[in-house]
Amino acid sequence: MLEGKRAFITGGTRGIGAAICNVFAREGADVAFNYNASDDLAAETVAKVKEHGRRAESYKISVTDRLGLKKMTRELVEKWGGIDVLVNNAAINRGDNFATTTDRAWDEVISTNVGSLFAVTKPIYKQMIRQRKGSILNITSIGALRALPTAVHYATSKAAMIGFTKCLSREAGTFGVKVNAIAAGIFDTDLAQALPDRLLQMHDLWVSAGRLGRPEELAEYAAFMVSDRNSFMTGEVVIVDGGTIT
């Protein structure tokens, strides 16, 4: 499905990001990713990509490091000749009530989850414009669309990602670049464990599937969304959440 594609995924060492790296490689893509801390987990992701016979590159760099990400993009384009797919997956959350949210927690979540959209996407998008093709997929959250008891700063940041997706898709279409998003439900990841206990306890009652999602389930759909098979969708937000009851 992704044979010959060159993909960059943010947050490729854990949860959904690691699953996307693995599934994309299985489907024929070369995979590069960034990570913040764990060299061991990064090495595991690289090894899994290479097991599928694909090229792999890892970069220990923050998704808010604008200068570093510009340099990384230049290096990757020089090495691979271009980038065809970008997945903005990396995000953080804090289990805060709005009344007790600190200035630091608010700034940290908004800076990471919203600021990274500009820092990561702009240099990669510019080279997609030059090659007149590309697909950008943003992993947002069902919490941006439903009144769920998740943290307000997290829901705000993920709602911003939806606006980013829709507006950029209009501009990008001129250059043959698609921009879409997946609104993810609650998946069995480290990020989910940062959610309030009351939300996790009630989750199985709220969703038709009656369980947390598995990261690879989202990754399978992500692979289709960035593939050439998905040729007539842009500016769209697709919900993958096990069937939230509203």
Protein backbone atom coordinates (compact mmCIF):
# COMPACT_ATOMS: atom_id res chain seq x y z
CA MET A 1 0.00 0.00 0.00
CA LEU A 2 2.90 2.37 0.75
CA GLU A 3 5.58 0.84 -1.46
CA GLY A 4 8.38 3.33 -2.08
CA LYS A 5 6.92 6.04 0.16
CA ARG A 6 9.23 8.01 2.49
CA ALA A 7 7.53 8.77 5.79
CA PHE A 8 8.32 10.85 8.85
CA ILE A 9 6.40 10.18 12.08
CA THR A 10 6.65 12.24 15.25
CA GLY A 11 6.90 10.33 18.51
CA GLY A 12 7.94 7.02 16.98
CA THR A 13 9.09 5.10 20.03
CA ARG A 14 5.86 4.52 21.95
CA GLY A 15 2.20 3.67 21.56
CA ILE A 16 0.48 4.80 18.39
CA GLY A 17 3.67 6.31 16.92
CA ALA A 18 5.62 3.07 17.24
CA ALA A 19 2.73 1.11 15.76
CA ILE A 20 2.53 3.51 12.80
CA CYS A 21 6.26 3.13 12.14
CA ASN A 22 5.93 -0.67 12.12
CA VAL A 23 2.79 -0.85 9.95
CA PHE A 24 4.08 1.73 7.46
CA ALA A 25 7.32 -0.24 7.06
CA ARG A 26 5.38 -3.47 6.61
CA GLU A 27 3.40 -1.75 3.87
CA GLY A 28 6.59 -0.76 2.04
CA ALA A 29 7.55 2.70 3.36
CA ASP A 30 10.93 3.92 4.50
CA VAL A 31 10.41 5.35 7.97
CA ALA A 32 12.06 8.19 9.88
CA PHE A 33 10.89 9.36 13.28
CA ASN A 34 11.81 11.61 16.16
CA TYR A 35 11.86 10.88 19.87
CA ASN A 36 12.67 12.68 23.10
CA ALA A 37 14.28 10.37 25.60
CA SER A 38 14.57 6.61 25.18
CA ASP A 39 17.48 5.54 22.99
CA ASP A 40 16.62 1.88 23.67
CA LEU A 41 13.05 2.24 22.41
CA ALA A 42 14.28 4.18 19.38
CA ALA A 43 16.66 1.34 18.55
CA GLU A 44 13.76 -1.11 18.82
CA THR A 45 11.66 0.90 16.37
CA VAL A 46 14.57 1.15 13.93
CA ALA A 47 15.13 -2.60 14.16
CA LYS A 48 11.46 -3.36 13.46
CA VAL A 49 11.45 -1.11 10.41
CA LYS A 50 14.59 -2.75 9.07
CA GLU A 51 13.10 -6.21 9.63
CA HIS A 52 10.64 -5.28 6.89
CA GLY A 53 13.55 -4.46 4.57
CA ARG A 54 13.01 -0.70 4.69
CA ARG A 55 15.31 2.20 5.49
CA ALA A 56 15.04 3.68 8.98
CA GLU A 57 16.27 6.92 10.53
CA SER A 58 15.80 8.16 14.10
CA TYR A 59 16.32 11.69 15.41
CA LYS A 60 16.56 12.60 19.08
CA ILE A 61 14.98 16.02 18.82
CA SER A 62 12.05 17.88 20.34
CA VAL A 63 8.97 18.55 18.22
CA THR A 64 9.20 22.20 19.32
CA ASP A 65 12.83 22.70 18.22
CA ARG A 66 12.25 24.77 15.09
CA LEU A 67 15.87 25.19 14.05
CA GLY A 68 16.70 21.56 14.77
CA LEU A 69 13.72 20.32 12.78
CA LYS A 70 14.65 22.47 9.78
CA LYS A 71 18.13 20.96 9.86
CA MET A 72 16.74 17.46 10.27
CA THR A 73 14.40 17.92 7.29
CA ARG A 74 17.27 19.12 5.09
CA GLU A 75 19.39 16.14 6.09
CA LEU A 76 16.60 13.63 5.51
CA VAL A 77 15.68 15.10 2.12
CA GLU A 78 19.34 15.01 1.07
CA LYS A 79 19.61 11.38 2.16
CA TRP A 80 16.31 10.10 0.79
CA GLY A 81 15.55 12.59 -1.96
CA GLY A 82 12.27 13.72 -0.41
CA ILE A 83 9.54 13.05 2.13
CA ASP A 84 6.16 11.81 0.90
CA VAL A 85 4.28 11.33 4.17
CA LEU A 86 4.19 13.22 7.46
CA VAL A 87 2.30 11.99 10.52
CA ASN A 88 1.97 14.49 13.36
CA ASN A 89 1.43 12.05 16.21
CA ALA A 90 3.48 13.24 19.19
CA ALA A 91 1.47 14.78 22.02
CA ILE A 92 1.43 15.13 25.80
CA ASN A 93 -1.37 15.27 28.33
CA ARG A 94 -1.72 16.08 32.00
CA GLY A 95 -4.52 14.82 34.22
CA ASP A 96 -5.62 18.29 35.34
CA ASN A 97 -8.91 19.88 36.29
CA PHE A 98 -9.20 23.30 34.68
CA ALA A 99 -9.63 25.12 38.02
CA THR A 100 -6.33 23.76 39.28
CA THR A 101 -4.35 23.79 36.03
CA THR A 102 -1.10 25.67 36.49
CA ASP A 103 0.31 28.19 34.05
CA ARG A 104 3.21 25.82 33.45
CA ALA A 105 0.98 22.83 32.65
CA TRP A 106 -1.17 24.87 30.24
CA ASP A 107 1.85 26.31 28.44
CA GLU A 108 3.58 22.93 28.24
CA VAL A 109 0.60 21.13 26.68
CA ILE A 110 -0.27 23.93 24.24
CA SER A 111 3.36 24.50 23.25
CA THR A 112 4.00 20.83 22.60
CA ASN A 113 0.73 19.84 20.96
CA VAL A 114 0.04 23.03 18.98
CA GLY A 115 3.48 24.57 18.58
CA SER A 116 4.81 21.33 17.13
CA LEU A 117 2.33 21.55 14.25
CA PHE A 118 4.16 24.61 12.97
CA ALA A 119 7.68 23.49 13.89
CA VAL A 120 7.42 20.03 12.33
CA THR A 121 5.06 20.61 9.43
CA LYS A 122 6.40 23.78 7.85
CA PRO A 123 9.82 22.54 6.64
CA ILE A 124 8.40 19.22 5.47
CA TYR A 125 5.41 20.86 3.81
CA LYS A 126 7.72 23.24 1.91
CA GLN A 127 9.60 20.35 0.34
CA MET A 128 6.29 18.62 -0.46
CA ILE A 129 5.32 21.79 -2.34
CA ARG A 130 8.54 21.56 -4.33
CA GLN A 131 7.90 17.93 -5.28
CA ARG A 132 4.19 18.65 -5.91
CA LYS A 133 2.99 15.68 -3.90
CA GLY A 134 2.61 14.51 -0.32
CA SER A 135 0.24 13.45 2.41
CA ILE A 136 0.02 14.92 5.92
CA LEU A 137 -1.91 13.09 8.62
CA ASN A 138 -2.59 14.68 12.00
CA ILE A 139 -3.55 12.51 14.97
CA THR A 140 -6.11 14.49 16.91
CA SER A 141 -8.53 13.27 19.58
CA ILE A 142 -12.18 12.47 20.12
CA GLY A 143 -11.79 14.81 23.10
CA ALA A 144 -11.73 17.71 20.64
CA LEU A 145 -15.19 16.77 19.37
CA ARG A 146 -17.04 15.35 22.36
CA ALA A 147 -17.67 16.74 25.86
CA LEU A 148 -15.59 14.09 27.59
CA PRO A 149 -14.03 14.51 31.05
CA THR A 150 -10.52 14.90 29.72
CA ALA A 151 -8.19 17.82 30.46
CA VAL A 152 -9.25 21.16 28.98
CA HIS A 153 -5.75 22.08 27.77
CA TYR A 154 -5.44 18.76 25.94
CA ALA A 155 -8.87 19.05 24.30
CA THR A 156 -8.06 22.65 23.31
CA SER A 157 -4.80 21.63 21.68
CA LYS A 158 -6.45 18.81 19.77
CA ALA A 159 -9.26 21.08 18.58
CA ALA A 160 -6.59 23.43 17.24
CA MET A 161 -5.21 20.52 15.24
CA ILE A 162 -8.58 20.13 13.51
CA GLY A 163 -8.56 23.79 12.44
CA PHE A 164 -4.98 23.38 11.28
CA THR A 165 -5.95 20.34 9.20
CA LYS A 166 -8.93 21.93 7.49
CA CYS A 167 -7.32 25.28 6.71
CA LEU A 168 -4.00 23.86 5.51
CA SER A 169 -5.79 21.38 3.26
CA ARG A 170 -7.21 24.27 1.21
CA GLU A 171 -3.78 25.76 0.61
CA ALA A 172 -2.06 22.40 0.15
CA GLY A 173 -4.49 21.14 -2.48
CA THR A 174 -3.03 23.59 -4.97
CA PHE A 175 0.27 21.72 -4.74
CA GLY A 176 -1.02 18.15 -4.79
CA VAL A 177 -0.67 17.68 -1.04
CA LYS A 178 -3.42 16.05 1.03
CA VAL A 179 -4.01 16.98 4.69
CA ASN A 180 -6.29 14.84 6.83
CA ALA A 181 -6.71 13.87 10.48
CA ILE A 182 -7.77 10.95 12.63
CA ALA A 183 -9.72 11.77 15.77
CA ALA A 184 -8.54 8.95 17.99
CA GLY A 185 -10.47 7.52 20.89
CA ILE A 186 -8.70 6.09 23.91
CA PHE A 187 -6.00 3.60 22.98
CA ASP A 188 -3.89 1.41 25.23
CA THR A 189 -0.85 3.71 25.42
CA ASP A 190 1.20 5.59 28.01
CA LEU A 191 -0.71 8.74 27.08
CA ALA A 192 -4.00 7.11 28.05
CA GLN A 193 -2.65 6.41 31.51
CA ALA A 194 -2.34 10.18 32.06
CA LEU A 195 -6.11 10.55 31.72
CA PRO A 196 -8.31 10.92 34.82
CA ASP A 197 -9.10 7.59 36.49
CA ARG A 198 -12.83 8.27 36.26
CA LEU A 199 -12.59 8.49 32.47
CA LEU A 200 -10.70 5.21 32.12
CA GLN A 201 -13.10 3.45 34.51
CA MET A 202 -16.15 4.53 32.51
CA HIS A 203 -14.61 4.15 29.08
CA ASP A 204 -15.68 0.56 28.45
CA LEU A 205 -19.30 1.58 29.04
CA TRP A 206 -19.06 4.50 26.63
CA VAL A 207 -17.78 2.72 23.56
CA SER A 208 -19.53 0.11 21.47
CA ALA A 209 -16.35 -1.97 21.28
CA GLY A 210 -16.26 -2.17 25.08
CA ARG A 211 -12.49 -1.83 25.36
CA LEU A 212 -9.46 0.36 24.75
CA GLY A 213 -8.18 0.48 21.21
CA ARG A 214 -4.96 -1.25 20.22
CA PRO A 215 -2.35 1.08 18.68
CA GLU A 216 -1.95 -1.13 15.64
CA GLU A 217 -5.67 -0.76 14.89
CA LEU A 218 -5.24 2.97 14.38
CA ALA A 219 -1.98 2.43 12.49
CA GLU A 220 -3.71 0.18 9.94
CA TYR A 221 -6.22 2.90 9.10
CA ALA A 222 -3.49 5.57 9.07
CA ALA A 223 -1.64 3.58 6.41
CA PHE A 224 -4.69 3.68 4.14
CA MET A 225 -5.28 7.39 4.75
CA VAL A 226 -1.79 8.40 3.57
CA SER A 227 -1.73 5.93 0.67
CA ASP A 228 -2.44 6.64 -2.98
CA ARG A 229 -5.59 4.52 -2.60
CA ASN A 230 -7.07 7.37 -0.57
CA SER A 231 -6.85 9.75 -3.49
CA PHE A 232 -9.95 11.93 -3.07
CA MET A 233 -10.02 12.85 0.60
CA THR A 234 -8.50 15.99 2.05
CA GLY A 235 -9.41 18.34 4.88
CA GLU A 236 -11.28 15.51 6.59
CA VAL A 237 -11.32 14.30 10.20
CA VAL A 238 -12.10 10.59 10.54
CA ILE A 239 -13.14 9.24 13.93
CA VAL A 240 -11.51 5.98 15.06
CA ASP A 241 -12.69 5.45 18.61
CA GLY A 242 -14.49 2.13 18.99
CA GLY A 243 -17.87 3.81 18.71
CA THR A 244 -18.28 6.49 21.36
CA ILE A 245 -21.82 6.62 22.70
CA THR A 246 -23.07 10.22 22.75
